[in-house]
Amino acid sequence: MDRVKPKRQSGMTLVELIVAVAIMAILACGVLPISRTVVKREREKELRAALWMMRDAIDRYKDAADRGAFIIKLGSEGYPPDLDELVKGVDVQGKKIKFLRHIPKDPMTNGTDWGLRSMQDDPTSESWGGQAVFDVYTKSTGTALDGTKYSDW
């Protein structure tokens, strides 16, 4: 006589399920800090690129002013009066030359309100005297991954 073997059910027991969920939770907790660091590092790269772009535009404006390509305001030392001047451009021999396409967004504050400094301002000052723009910095009070303040960049 043939004996009927009971069918073995496939699947996971409750203990196996709990162990699998616990392992997934531990892995997720390990990934979270890493992903936060990656996001912060990307924002720092964007900040460096935006600052470099604006400082390069200021330098190109200053170079053109020093070469006498356009008339500058007395006391400006050849620096732009504001960041909008870099976007609007200046007339050079009947041609409009622009130094920036747009004022970049500050990735740390999510705005275009940058801190400005002029030649007359103290290098550590956070208030702009209203003279020509010599330097640009972020108004973020945060600290970078390397321990420096973003506003010191």
C-alpha atoms as a PDB file:
ATOM      1  CA  MET A   1       0.000   0.000   0.000  1.00  0.00           C
ATOM      2  CA  ASP A   2       1.253   3.457  -0.881  1.00  0.00           C
ATOM      3  CA  ARG A   3       1.655   5.792   1.920  1.00  0.00           C
ATOM      4  CA  VAL A   4       0.689   9.353   1.307  1.00  0.00           C
ATOM      5  CA  LYS A   5       3.389  11.701   2.437  1.00  0.00           C
ATOM      6  CA  PRO A   6       2.195  14.952   3.913  1.00  0.00           C
ATOM      7  CA  LYS A   7       3.023  17.905   1.690  1.00  0.00           C
ATOM      8  CA  ARG A   8       5.667  20.137   3.059  1.00  0.00           C
ATOM      9  CA  GLN A   9       4.584  23.743   2.999  1.00  0.00           C
ATOM     10  CA  SER A  10       7.026  26.248   1.632  1.00  0.00           C
ATOM     11  CA  GLY A  11       7.416  29.696   3.097  1.00  0.00           C
ATOM     12  CA  MET A  12       9.037  31.487   5.974  1.00  0.00           C
ATOM     13  CA  THR A  13       8.426  30.972   9.621  1.00  0.00           C
ATOM     14  CA  LEU A  14       7.725  33.904  11.874  1.00  0.00           C
ATOM     15  CA  VAL A  15      11.252  33.739  13.316  1.00  0.00           C
ATOM     16  CA  GLU A  16      12.815  33.846   9.850  1.00  0.00           C
ATOM     17  CA  LEU A  17      10.635  36.808   8.940  1.00  0.00           C
ATOM     18  CA  ILE A  18      11.604  38.711  12.095  1.00  0.00           C
ATOM     19  CA  VAL A  19      15.318  38.045  11.469  1.00  0.00           C
ATOM     20  CA  ALA A  20      15.038  39.223   7.858  1.00  0.00           C
ATOM     21  CA  VAL A  21      13.235  42.424   8.887  1.00  0.00           C
ATOM     22  CA  ALA A  22      15.823  43.081  11.620  1.00  0.00           C
ATOM     23  CA  ILE A  23      18.698  42.699   9.135  1.00  0.00           C
ATOM     24  CA  MET A  24      16.974  45.077   6.696  1.00  0.00           C
ATOM     25  CA  ALA A  25      16.449  47.638   9.489  1.00  0.00           C
ATOM     26  CA  ILE A  26      20.121  47.491  10.507  1.00  0.00           C
ATOM     27  CA  LEU A  27      21.220  47.982   6.889  1.00  0.00           C
ATOM     28  CA  ALA A  28      18.804  50.897   6.428  1.00  0.00           C
ATOM     29  CA  CYS A  29      20.134  52.595   9.566  1.00  0.00           C
ATOM     30  CA  GLY A  30      23.664  52.291   8.206  1.00  0.00           C
ATOM     31  CA  VAL A  31      22.761  53.784   4.838  1.00  0.00           C
ATOM     32  CA  LEU A  32      20.916  56.827   6.209  1.00  0.00           C
ATOM     33  CA  PRO A  33      23.973  58.734   7.558  1.00  0.00           C
ATOM     34  CA  ILE A  34      25.920  57.953   4.399  1.00  0.00           C
ATOM     35  CA  SER A  35      23.150  59.321   2.186  1.00  0.00           C
ATOM     36  CA  ARG A  36      22.953  62.501   4.287  1.00  0.00           C
ATOM     37  CA  THR A  37      26.702  62.991   3.856  1.00  0.00           C
ATOM     38  CA  VAL A  38      26.448  62.437   0.104  1.00  0.00           C
ATOM     39  CA  VAL A  39      23.646  65.035  -0.166  1.00  0.00           C
ATOM     40  CA  LYS A  40      25.599  67.554   1.916  1.00  0.00           C
ATOM     41  CA  ARG A  41      28.731  66.985  -0.173  1.00  0.00           C
ATOM     42  CA  GLU A  42      26.738  67.621  -3.380  1.00  0.00           C
ATOM     43  CA  ARG A  43      25.361  70.879  -1.981  1.00  0.00           C
ATOM     44  CA  GLU A  44      28.890  71.926  -1.025  1.00  0.00           C
ATOM     45  CA  LYS A  45      30.063  71.235  -4.584  1.00  0.00           C
ATOM     46  CA  GLU A  46      27.201  73.368  -5.915  1.00  0.00           C
ATOM     47  CA  LEU A  47      28.137  76.174  -3.498  1.00  0.00           C
ATOM     48  CA  ARG A  48      31.792  76.088  -4.563  1.00  0.00           C
ATOM     49  CA  ALA A  49      30.780  76.164  -8.233  1.00  0.00           C
ATOM     50  CA  ALA A  50      28.380  79.099  -7.704  1.00  0.00           C
ATOM     51  CA  LEU A  51      30.970  81.096  -5.759  1.00  0.00           C
ATOM     52  CA  TRP A  52      33.639  80.362  -8.359  1.00  0.00           C
ATOM     53  CA  MET A  53      31.289  81.421 -11.185  1.00  0.00           C
ATOM     54  CA  MET A  54      30.437  84.758  -9.548  1.00  0.00           C
ATOM     55  CA  ARG A  55      34.024  85.511  -8.522  1.00  0.00           C
ATOM     56  CA  ASP A  56      35.203  84.714 -12.037  1.00  0.00           C
ATOM     57  CA  ALA A  57      32.574  87.101 -13.452  1.00  0.00           C
ATOM     58  CA  ILE A  58      33.688  89.826 -11.006  1.00  0.00           C
ATOM     59  CA  ASP A  59      37.317  89.285 -12.075  1.00  0.00           C
ATOM     60  CA  ARG A  60      36.433  89.441 -15.787  1.00  0.00           C
ATOM     61  CA  TYR A  61      34.454  92.660 -15.167  1.00  0.00           C
ATOM     62  CA  LYS A  62      37.436  94.135 -13.299  1.00  0.00           C
ATOM     63  CA  ASP A  63      39.850  93.111 -16.079  1.00  0.00           C
ATOM     64  CA  ALA A  64      37.655  94.735 -18.727  1.00  0.00           C
ATOM     65  CA  ALA A  65      37.358  97.896 -16.614  1.00  0.00           C
ATOM     66  CA  ASP A  66      41.120  98.024 -16.086  1.00  0.00           C
ATOM     67  CA  ARG A  67      41.665  97.744 -19.853  1.00  0.00           C
ATOM     68  CA  GLY A  68      39.366 100.743 -20.308  1.00  0.00           C
ATOM     69  CA  ALA A  69      36.705  98.815 -22.225  1.00  0.00           C
ATOM     70  CA  PHE A  70      33.953 100.877 -20.562  1.00  0.00           C
ATOM     71  CA  ILE A  71      33.576 103.841 -18.268  1.00  0.00           C
ATOM     72  CA  ILE A  72      33.605 103.050 -14.577  1.00  0.00           C
ATOM     73  CA  LYS A  73      32.130 104.913 -11.644  1.00  0.00           C
ATOM     74  CA  LEU A  74      34.623 106.947  -9.636  1.00  0.00           C
ATOM     75  CA  GLY A  75      35.604 105.136  -6.430  1.00  0.00           C
ATOM     76  CA  SER A  76      34.499 101.720  -7.662  1.00  0.00           C
ATOM     77  CA  GLU A  77      38.072 100.603  -8.343  1.00  0.00           C
ATOM     78  CA  GLY A  78      36.722  98.931 -11.487  1.00  0.00           C
ATOM     79  CA  TYR A  79      34.465  96.475  -9.652  1.00  0.00           C
ATOM     80  CA  PRO A  80      30.753  96.051 -10.508  1.00  0.00           C
ATOM     81  CA  PRO A  81      28.253  98.106  -8.487  1.00  0.00           C
ATOM     82  CA  ASP A  82      26.146  94.973  -7.801  1.00  0.00           C
ATOM     83  CA  LEU A  83      25.598  91.430  -9.068  1.00  0.00           C
ATOM     84  CA  ASP A  84      22.783  92.547 -11.378  1.00  0.00           C
ATOM     85  CA  GLU A  85      25.325  94.560 -13.382  1.00  0.00           C
ATOM     86  CA  LEU A  86      27.099  91.297 -14.221  1.00  0.00           C
ATOM     87  CA  VAL A  87      23.831  89.847 -15.567  1.00  0.00           C
ATOM     88  CA  LYS A  88      22.607  92.976 -17.384  1.00  0.00           C
ATOM     89  CA  GLY A  89      26.022  93.587 -18.887  1.00  0.00           C
ATOM     90  CA  VAL A  90      27.833  96.711 -20.020  1.00  0.00           C
ATOM     91  CA  ASP A  91      28.197  98.430 -23.375  1.00  0.00           C
ATOM     92  CA  VAL A  92      31.648  97.920 -24.866  1.00  0.00           C
ATOM     93  CA  GLN A  93      32.123  99.704 -28.189  1.00  0.00           C
ATOM     94  CA  GLY A  94      28.436  99.439 -29.031  1.00  0.00           C
ATOM     95  CA  LYS A  95      28.214  95.801 -27.983  1.00  0.00           C
ATOM     96  CA  LYS A  96      26.541  94.495 -24.820  1.00  0.00           C
ATOM     97  CA  ILE A  97      28.878  92.212 -22.875  1.00  0.00           C
ATOM     98  CA  LYS A  98      27.381  90.098 -20.094  1.00  0.00           C
ATOM     99  CA  PHE A  99      29.514  88.435 -17.453  1.00  0.00           C
ATOM    100  CA  LEU A 100      26.855  86.115 -15.953  1.00  0.00           C
ATOM    101  CA  ARG A 101      23.763  84.495 -17.477  1.00  0.00           C
ATOM    102  CA  HIS A 102      21.948  84.668 -14.154  1.00  0.00           C
ATOM    103  CA  ILE A 103      22.740  85.038 -10.480  1.00  0.00           C
ATOM    104  CA  PRO A 104      23.162  81.454  -9.263  1.00  0.00           C
ATOM    105  CA  LYS A 105      21.048  80.061  -6.450  1.00  0.00           C
ATOM    106  CA  ASP A 106      22.757  79.560  -3.105  1.00  0.00           C
ATOM    107  CA  PRO A 107      22.315  75.824  -2.420  1.00  0.00           C
ATOM    108  CA  MET A 108      22.637  76.346   1.331  1.00  0.00           C
ATOM    109  CA  THR A 109      19.934  79.018   1.681  1.00  0.00           C
ATOM    110  CA  ASN A 110      17.908  78.182  -1.475  1.00  0.00           C
ATOM    111  CA  GLY A 111      17.885  81.833  -2.522  1.00  0.00           C
ATOM    112  CA  THR A 112      19.858  84.312  -4.592  1.00  0.00           C
ATOM    113  CA  ASP A 113      20.506  86.657  -1.665  1.00  0.00           C
ATOM    114  CA  TRP A 114      24.299  86.476  -1.421  1.00  0.00           C
ATOM    115  CA  GLY A 115      26.490  88.318   1.029  1.00  0.00           C
ATOM    116  CA  LEU A 116      28.560  91.041  -0.631  1.00  0.00           C
ATOM    117  CA  ARG A 117      31.788  92.782   0.309  1.00  0.00           C
ATOM    118  CA  SER A 118      33.502  95.819  -1.168  1.00  0.00           C
ATOM    119  CA  MET A 119      37.140  96.879  -1.056  1.00  0.00           C
ATOM    120  CA  GLN A 120      36.285  99.283   1.752  1.00  0.00           C
ATOM    121  CA  ASP A 121      34.609  96.607   3.921  1.00  0.00           C
ATOM    122  CA  ASP A 122      36.431  94.622   6.591  1.00  0.00           C
ATOM    123  CA  PRO A 123      37.204  91.108   5.253  1.00  0.00           C
ATOM    124  CA  THR A 124      35.209  89.514   8.089  1.00  0.00           C
ATOM    125  CA  SER A 125      32.327  91.984   7.936  1.00  0.00           C
ATOM    126  CA  GLU A 126      28.849  90.669   7.248  1.00  0.00           C
ATOM    127  CA  SER A 127      27.433  94.033   6.215  1.00  0.00           C
ATOM    128  CA  TRP A 128      27.996  95.507   2.800  1.00  0.00           C
ATOM    129  CA  GLY A 129      28.872  99.193   2.653  1.00  0.00           C
ATOM    130  CA  GLY A 130      27.081  99.590  -0.684  1.00  0.00           C
ATOM    131  CA  GLN A 131      30.222 100.269  -2.691  1.00  0.00           C
ATOM    132  CA  ALA A 132      31.331  98.135  -5.626  1.00  0.00           C
ATOM    133  CA  VAL A 133      31.232  94.327  -5.225  1.00  0.00           C
ATOM    134  CA  PHE A 134      34.675  92.909  -4.512  1.00  0.00           C
ATOM    135  CA  ASP A 135      33.693  89.553  -2.999  1.00  0.00           C
ATOM    136  CA  VAL A 136      30.689  87.264  -2.603  1.00  0.00           C
ATOM    137  CA  TYR A 137      29.881  84.791   0.173  1.00  0.00           C
ATOM    138  CA  THR A 138      26.958  82.686   1.331  1.00  0.00           C
ATOM    139  CA  LYS A 139      24.780  83.901   4.176  1.00  0.00           C
ATOM    140  CA  SER A 140      24.441  80.356   5.493  1.00  0.00           C
ATOM    141  CA  THR A 141      25.548  79.876   9.081  1.00  0.00           C
ATOM    142  CA  GLY A 142      26.191  76.157   8.568  1.00  0.00           C
ATOM    143  CA  THR A 143      29.405  74.233   8.933  1.00  0.00           C
ATOM    144  CA  ALA A 144      30.960  72.224   6.116  1.00  0.00           C
ATOM    145  CA  LEU A 145      32.050  68.602   6.273  1.00  0.00           C
ATOM    146  CA  ASP A 146      35.655  69.779   6.722  1.00  0.00           C
ATOM    147  CA  GLY A 147      34.684  71.872   9.776  1.00  0.00           C
ATOM    148  CA  THR A 148      34.889  75.333   8.164  1.00  0.00           C
ATOM    149  CA  LYS A 149      32.021  77.809   8.046  1.00  0.00           C
ATOM    150  CA  TYR A 150      30.316  78.141   4.659  1.00  0.00           C
ATOM    151  CA  SER A 151      30.406  81.926   4.992  1.00  0.00           C
ATOM    152  CA  ASP A 152      34.241  81.774   5.065  1.00  0.00           C
ATOM    153  CA  TRP A 153      34.458  80.167   1.656  1.00  0.00           C
END
